[in-house]
Amino acid sequence: MTIEEVRDGDTIQLNVSGKIDTITAGDFQTAVLTSFQKGKILVINFKDVVYISSSGLRALVLGQKTAVAKGGSMKIININKVVEDVFKVTGFDKMLTIE
């Protein structure tokens, strides 16, 4: 997994690629939470994410809770069919902002 951070004022965009699994979820979670120390708006680009595990989902829940606690927002963009199916089965499609 790789993560590229792009900053535009108070908005941070994380361009994520690869698999978010048990091995990489810690780094993903750190990137998500650290983003809220730099800005209030987080956009996570999942265009090149091919897989997300329950550990990755946990990182998204923590990111969402952090966004709410800091008065910010978090959204996920460009999800593929595989990730979309995981979000639907787990109910994350109703919990998270997905565009």
N, C-alpha and C. Protein backbone atom coordinates (compact mmCIF):
# COMPACT_ATOMS: atom_id res chain seq x y z
N MET A 1 0.85 -1.18 0.00
CA MET A 1 0.00 0.00 0.00
C MET A 1 0.89 1.24 0.00
N THR A 2 0.46 2.24 -0.76
CA THR A 2 1.13 3.53 -0.74
C THR A 2 0.08 4.61 -0.49
N ILE A 3 0.54 5.68 0.16
CA ILE A 3 -0.34 6.81 0.44
C ILE A 3 0.39 8.08 0.04
N GLU A 4 -0.27 8.87 -0.81
CA GLU A 4 0.26 10.17 -1.21
C GLU A 4 -0.65 11.23 -0.59
N GLU A 5 -0.06 12.18 0.08
CA GLU A 5 -0.83 13.26 0.70
C GLU A 5 -0.74 14.52 -0.15
N VAL A 6 -1.90 15.11 -0.44
CA VAL A 6 -1.96 16.37 -1.17
C VAL A 6 -2.73 17.35 -0.29
N ARG A 7 -2.13 18.49 -0.04
CA ARG A 7 -2.75 19.48 0.84
C ARG A 7 -3.15 20.71 0.05
N ASP A 8 -4.39 21.18 0.31
CA ASP A 8 -4.90 22.39 -0.33
C ASP A 8 -5.63 23.17 0.74
N GLY A 9 -4.94 24.09 1.38
CA GLY A 9 -5.53 24.85 2.47
C GLY A 9 -5.87 23.95 3.64
N ASP A 10 -7.15 23.94 4.02
CA ASP A 10 -7.60 23.15 5.16
C ASP A 10 -8.06 21.75 4.73
N THR A 11 -7.87 21.42 3.45
CA THR A 11 -8.27 20.12 2.93
C THR A 11 -7.04 19.26 2.68
N ILE A 12 -7.11 18.04 3.18
CA ILE A 12 -6.06 17.05 2.94
C ILE A 12 -6.68 15.94 2.09
N GLN A 13 -6.01 15.58 1.01
CA GLN A 13 -6.45 14.43 0.22
C GLN A 13 -5.39 13.35 0.32
N LEU A 14 -5.83 12.15 0.68
CA LEU A 14 -4.95 10.99 0.71
C LEU A 14 -5.27 10.13 -0.51
N ASN A 15 -4.31 9.97 -1.39
CA ASN A 15 -4.46 9.09 -2.55
C ASN A 15 -3.85 7.74 -2.17
N VAL A 16 -4.72 6.77 -1.95
CA VAL A 16 -4.29 5.47 -1.45
C VAL A 16 -4.30 4.46 -2.59
N SER A 17 -3.30 3.59 -2.61
CA SER A 17 -3.28 2.53 -3.63
C SER A 17 -2.81 1.22 -3.00
N GLY A 18 -3.30 0.12 -3.57
CA GLY A 18 -2.91 -1.19 -3.08
C GLY A 18 -3.95 -1.79 -2.15
N LYS A 19 -3.49 -2.64 -1.24
CA LYS A 19 -4.36 -3.34 -0.29
C LYS A 19 -4.25 -2.71 1.09
N ILE A 20 -5.41 -2.47 1.70
CA ILE A 20 -5.44 -2.04 3.10
C ILE A 20 -5.83 -3.29 3.88
N ASP A 21 -4.82 -3.96 4.41
CA ASP A 21 -5.04 -5.21 5.11
C ASP A 21 -4.45 -5.15 6.52
N THR A 22 -4.37 -6.28 7.17
CA THR A 22 -3.86 -6.33 8.54
C THR A 22 -2.46 -5.74 8.64
N ILE A 23 -1.65 -5.95 7.63
CA ILE A 23 -0.26 -5.48 7.65
C ILE A 23 -0.18 -3.97 7.44
N THR A 24 -1.02 -3.42 6.55
CA THR A 24 -0.90 -2.01 6.18
C THR A 24 -1.90 -1.09 6.89
N ALA A 25 -2.88 -1.66 7.56
CA ALA A 25 -3.95 -0.84 8.17
C ALA A 25 -3.41 0.13 9.22
N GLY A 26 -2.37 -0.25 9.94
CA GLY A 26 -1.80 0.66 10.94
C GLY A 26 -1.25 1.92 10.31
N ASP A 27 -0.55 1.77 9.21
CA ASP A 27 -0.02 2.94 8.49
C ASP A 27 -1.15 3.79 7.92
N PHE A 28 -2.19 3.12 7.42
CA PHE A 28 -3.35 3.83 6.89
C PHE A 28 -4.04 4.62 8.00
N GLN A 29 -4.24 3.99 9.14
CA GLN A 29 -4.87 4.66 10.28
C GLN A 29 -4.06 5.86 10.73
N THR A 30 -2.76 5.71 10.80
CA THR A 30 -1.89 6.82 11.19
C THR A 30 -2.02 7.98 10.22
N ALA A 31 -2.05 7.68 8.93
CA ALA A 31 -2.18 8.73 7.91
C ALA A 31 -3.50 9.46 8.04
N VAL A 32 -4.58 8.70 8.28
CA VAL A 32 -5.91 9.31 8.43
C VAL A 32 -5.95 10.22 9.66
N LEU A 33 -5.51 9.71 10.79
CA LEU A 33 -5.58 10.50 12.03
C LEU A 33 -4.63 11.69 12.00
N THR A 34 -3.47 11.52 11.43
CA THR A 34 -2.51 12.63 11.32
C THR A 34 -3.05 13.74 10.43
N SER A 35 -3.84 13.37 9.43
CA SER A 35 -4.42 14.38 8.54
C SER A 35 -5.28 15.38 9.30
N PHE A 36 -5.97 14.92 10.33
CA PHE A 36 -6.83 15.82 11.10
C PHE A 36 -6.03 16.75 12.01
N GLN A 37 -4.74 16.52 12.15
CA GLN A 37 -3.88 17.46 12.86
C GLN A 37 -3.44 18.59 11.93
N LYS A 38 -3.59 18.37 10.62
CA LYS A 38 -3.15 19.34 9.62
C LYS A 38 -4.30 20.12 9.01
N GLY A 39 -5.50 19.55 9.03
CA GLY A 39 -6.65 20.19 8.40
C GLY A 39 -7.95 19.63 8.95
N LYS A 40 -9.06 20.26 8.58
CA LYS A 40 -10.37 19.82 9.08
C LYS A 40 -11.14 18.96 8.09
N ILE A 41 -10.72 19.00 6.83
CA ILE A 41 -11.44 18.27 5.79
C ILE A 41 -10.50 17.21 5.21
N LEU A 42 -10.97 15.96 5.24
CA LEU A 42 -10.17 14.87 4.71
C LEU A 42 -10.93 14.19 3.57
N VAL A 43 -10.25 14.07 2.44
CA VAL A 43 -10.77 13.35 1.28
C VAL A 43 -9.83 12.16 1.06
N ILE A 44 -10.41 10.96 1.05
CA ILE A 44 -9.61 9.76 0.84
C ILE A 44 -9.96 9.20 -0.54
N ASN A 45 -8.99 9.22 -1.42
CA ASN A 45 -9.18 8.75 -2.80
C ASN A 45 -8.84 7.25 -2.85
N PHE A 46 -9.87 6.43 -3.06
CA PHE A 46 -9.73 4.98 -3.10
C PHE A 46 -9.63 4.44 -4.53
N LYS A 47 -9.31 5.31 -5.49
CA LYS A 47 -9.29 4.90 -6.90
C LYS A 47 -8.45 3.65 -7.13
N ASP A 48 -7.31 3.56 -6.46
CA ASP A 48 -6.39 2.45 -6.69
C ASP A 48 -6.34 1.46 -5.53
N VAL A 49 -7.36 1.47 -4.67
CA VAL A 49 -7.44 0.49 -3.57
C VAL A 49 -8.14 -0.75 -4.11
N VAL A 50 -7.49 -1.89 -4.00
CA VAL A 50 -8.04 -3.13 -4.56
C VAL A 50 -8.66 -4.03 -3.48
N TYR A 51 -8.41 -3.72 -2.20
CA TYR A 51 -8.90 -4.58 -1.12
C TYR A 51 -8.86 -3.80 0.18
N ILE A 52 -9.87 -4.02 1.04
CA ILE A 52 -9.86 -3.45 2.38
C ILE A 52 -10.35 -4.51 3.36
N SER A 53 -9.59 -4.69 4.44
CA SER A 53 -9.95 -5.68 5.46
C SER A 53 -10.68 -5.00 6.61
N SER A 54 -11.07 -5.80 7.58
CA SER A 54 -11.74 -5.24 8.76
C SER A 54 -10.83 -4.27 9.51
N SER A 55 -9.54 -4.49 9.45
CA SER A 55 -8.59 -3.55 10.08
C SER A 55 -8.63 -2.19 9.38
N GLY A 56 -8.77 -2.21 8.07
CA GLY A 56 -8.89 -0.96 7.32
C GLY A 56 -10.21 -0.27 7.60
N LEU A 57 -11.28 -1.06 7.75
CA LEU A 57 -12.58 -0.49 8.10
C LEU A 57 -12.53 0.18 9.46
N ARG A 58 -11.83 -0.45 10.39
CA ARG A 58 -11.67 0.13 11.73
C ARG A 58 -10.99 1.50 11.65
N ALA A 59 -9.98 1.62 10.81
CA ALA A 59 -9.28 2.89 10.63
C ALA A 59 -10.24 3.96 10.10
N LEU A 60 -11.15 3.57 9.22
CA LEU A 60 -12.14 4.52 8.69
C LEU A 60 -13.12 4.96 9.78
N VAL A 61 -13.52 4.04 10.64
CA VAL A 61 -14.41 4.39 11.76
C VAL A 61 -13.72 5.40 12.67
N LEU A 62 -12.46 5.15 13.01
CA LEU A 62 -11.71 6.09 13.86
C LEU A 62 -11.56 7.44 13.17
N GLY A 63 -11.34 7.42 11.86
CA GLY A 63 -11.25 8.68 11.12
C GLY A 63 -12.55 9.45 11.15
N GLN A 64 -13.67 8.75 10.98
CA GLN A 64 -14.98 9.40 11.02
C GLN A 64 -15.25 10.00 12.40
N LYS A 65 -14.94 9.25 13.44
CA LYS A 65 -15.15 9.75 14.81
C LYS A 65 -14.26 10.96 15.08
N THR A 66 -13.05 10.93 14.58
CA THR A 66 -12.13 12.06 14.76
C THR A 66 -12.65 13.28 14.02
N ALA A 67 -13.15 13.09 12.81
CA ALA A 67 -13.70 14.20 12.02
C ALA A 67 -14.83 14.88 12.78
N VAL A 68 -15.75 14.09 13.32
CA VAL A 68 -16.89 14.63 14.06
C VAL A 68 -16.41 15.36 15.31
N ALA A 69 -15.47 14.76 16.04
CA ALA A 69 -14.96 15.36 17.28
C ALA A 69 -14.26 16.69 17.02
N LYS A 70 -13.62 16.84 15.88
CA LYS A 70 -12.89 18.06 15.56
C LYS A 70 -13.70 19.05 14.74
N GLY A 71 -14.98 18.73 14.50
CA GLY A 71 -15.83 19.63 13.72
C GLY A 71 -15.44 19.67 12.25
N GLY A 72 -14.87 18.59 11.78
CA GLY A 72 -14.44 18.51 10.38
C GLY A 72 -15.30 17.53 9.60
N SER A 73 -14.74 17.05 8.50
CA SER A 73 -15.46 16.08 7.68
C SER A 73 -14.48 15.13 7.01
N MET A 74 -15.01 13.97 6.66
CA MET A 74 -14.22 12.97 5.95
C MET A 74 -15.10 12.35 4.88
N LYS A 75 -14.57 12.25 3.68
CA LYS A 75 -15.31 11.57 2.61
C LYS A 75 -14.36 10.69 1.82
N ILE A 76 -14.95 9.67 1.23
CA ILE A 76 -14.19 8.72 0.43
C ILE A 76 -14.67 8.85 -1.00
N ILE A 77 -13.73 8.94 -1.93
CA ILE A 77 -14.09 9.10 -3.33
C ILE A 77 -13.49 7.97 -4.17
N ASN A 78 -14.10 7.75 -5.33
CA ASN A 78 -13.58 6.84 -6.35
C ASN A 78 -13.42 5.40 -5.90
N ILE A 79 -14.41 4.87 -5.17
CA ILE A 79 -14.30 3.46 -4.77
C ILE A 79 -14.67 2.55 -5.94
N ASN A 80 -14.02 1.40 -5.98
CA ASN A 80 -14.34 0.43 -7.03
C ASN A 80 -15.42 -0.52 -6.54
N LYS A 81 -15.85 -1.42 -7.39
CA LYS A 81 -16.95 -2.33 -7.09
C LYS A 81 -16.64 -3.25 -5.91
N VAL A 82 -15.42 -3.75 -5.82
CA VAL A 82 -15.04 -4.66 -4.73
C VAL A 82 -15.16 -3.95 -3.38
N VAL A 83 -14.60 -2.76 -3.28
CA VAL A 83 -14.66 -2.01 -2.02
C VAL A 83 -16.10 -1.56 -1.75
N GLU A 84 -16.81 -1.17 -2.78
CA GLU A 84 -18.21 -0.78 -2.61
C GLU A 84 -19.03 -1.93 -2.03
N ASP A 85 -18.79 -3.13 -2.51
CA ASP A 85 -19.51 -4.30 -1.98
C ASP A 85 -19.20 -4.54 -0.51
N VAL A 86 -17.95 -4.37 -0.12
CA VAL A 86 -17.56 -4.52 1.29
C VAL A 86 -18.29 -3.47 2.13
N PHE A 87 -18.32 -2.23 1.65
CA PHE A 87 -19.01 -1.16 2.38
C PHE A 87 -20.50 -1.47 2.53
N LYS A 88 -21.12 -1.99 1.48
CA LYS A 88 -22.55 -2.31 1.54
C LYS A 88 -22.85 -3.46 2.49
N VAL A 89 -22.06 -4.52 2.43
CA VAL A 89 -22.27 -5.68 3.29
C VAL A 89 -22.11 -5.33 4.77
N THR A 90 -21.17 -4.45 5.07
CA THR A 90 -20.88 -4.08 6.45
C THR A 90 -21.71 -2.90 6.94
N GLY A 91 -22.43 -2.24 6.05
CA GLY A 91 -23.22 -1.06 6.44
C GLY A 91 -22.42 0.23 6.45
N PHE A 92 -21.17 0.16 6.02
CA PHE A 92 -20.34 1.36 6.01
C PHE A 92 -20.80 2.37 4.97
N ASP A 93 -21.55 1.91 3.97
CA ASP A 93 -22.07 2.82 2.96
C ASP A 93 -23.07 3.80 3.57
N LYS A 94 -23.64 3.45 4.71
CA LYS A 94 -24.59 4.34 5.41
C LYS A 94 -23.89 5.17 6.50
N MET A 95 -22.73 4.70 6.94
CA MET A 95 -22.00 5.36 8.01
C MET A 95 -21.04 6.44 7.51
N LEU A 96 -20.51 6.22 6.33
CA LEU A 96 -19.49 7.11 5.78
C LEU A 96 -20.02 7.91 4.61
N THR A 97 -19.38 9.03 4.34
CA THR A 97 -19.71 9.82 3.16
C THR A 97 -18.88 9.29 2.00
N ILE A 98 -19.58 8.78 0.98
CA ILE A 98 -18.91 8.17 -0.16
C ILE A 98 -19.42 8.85 -1.43
N GLU A 99 -18.50 9.29 -2.25
CA GLU A 99 -18.86 9.94 -3.52
C GLU A 99 -18.21 9.22 -4.68
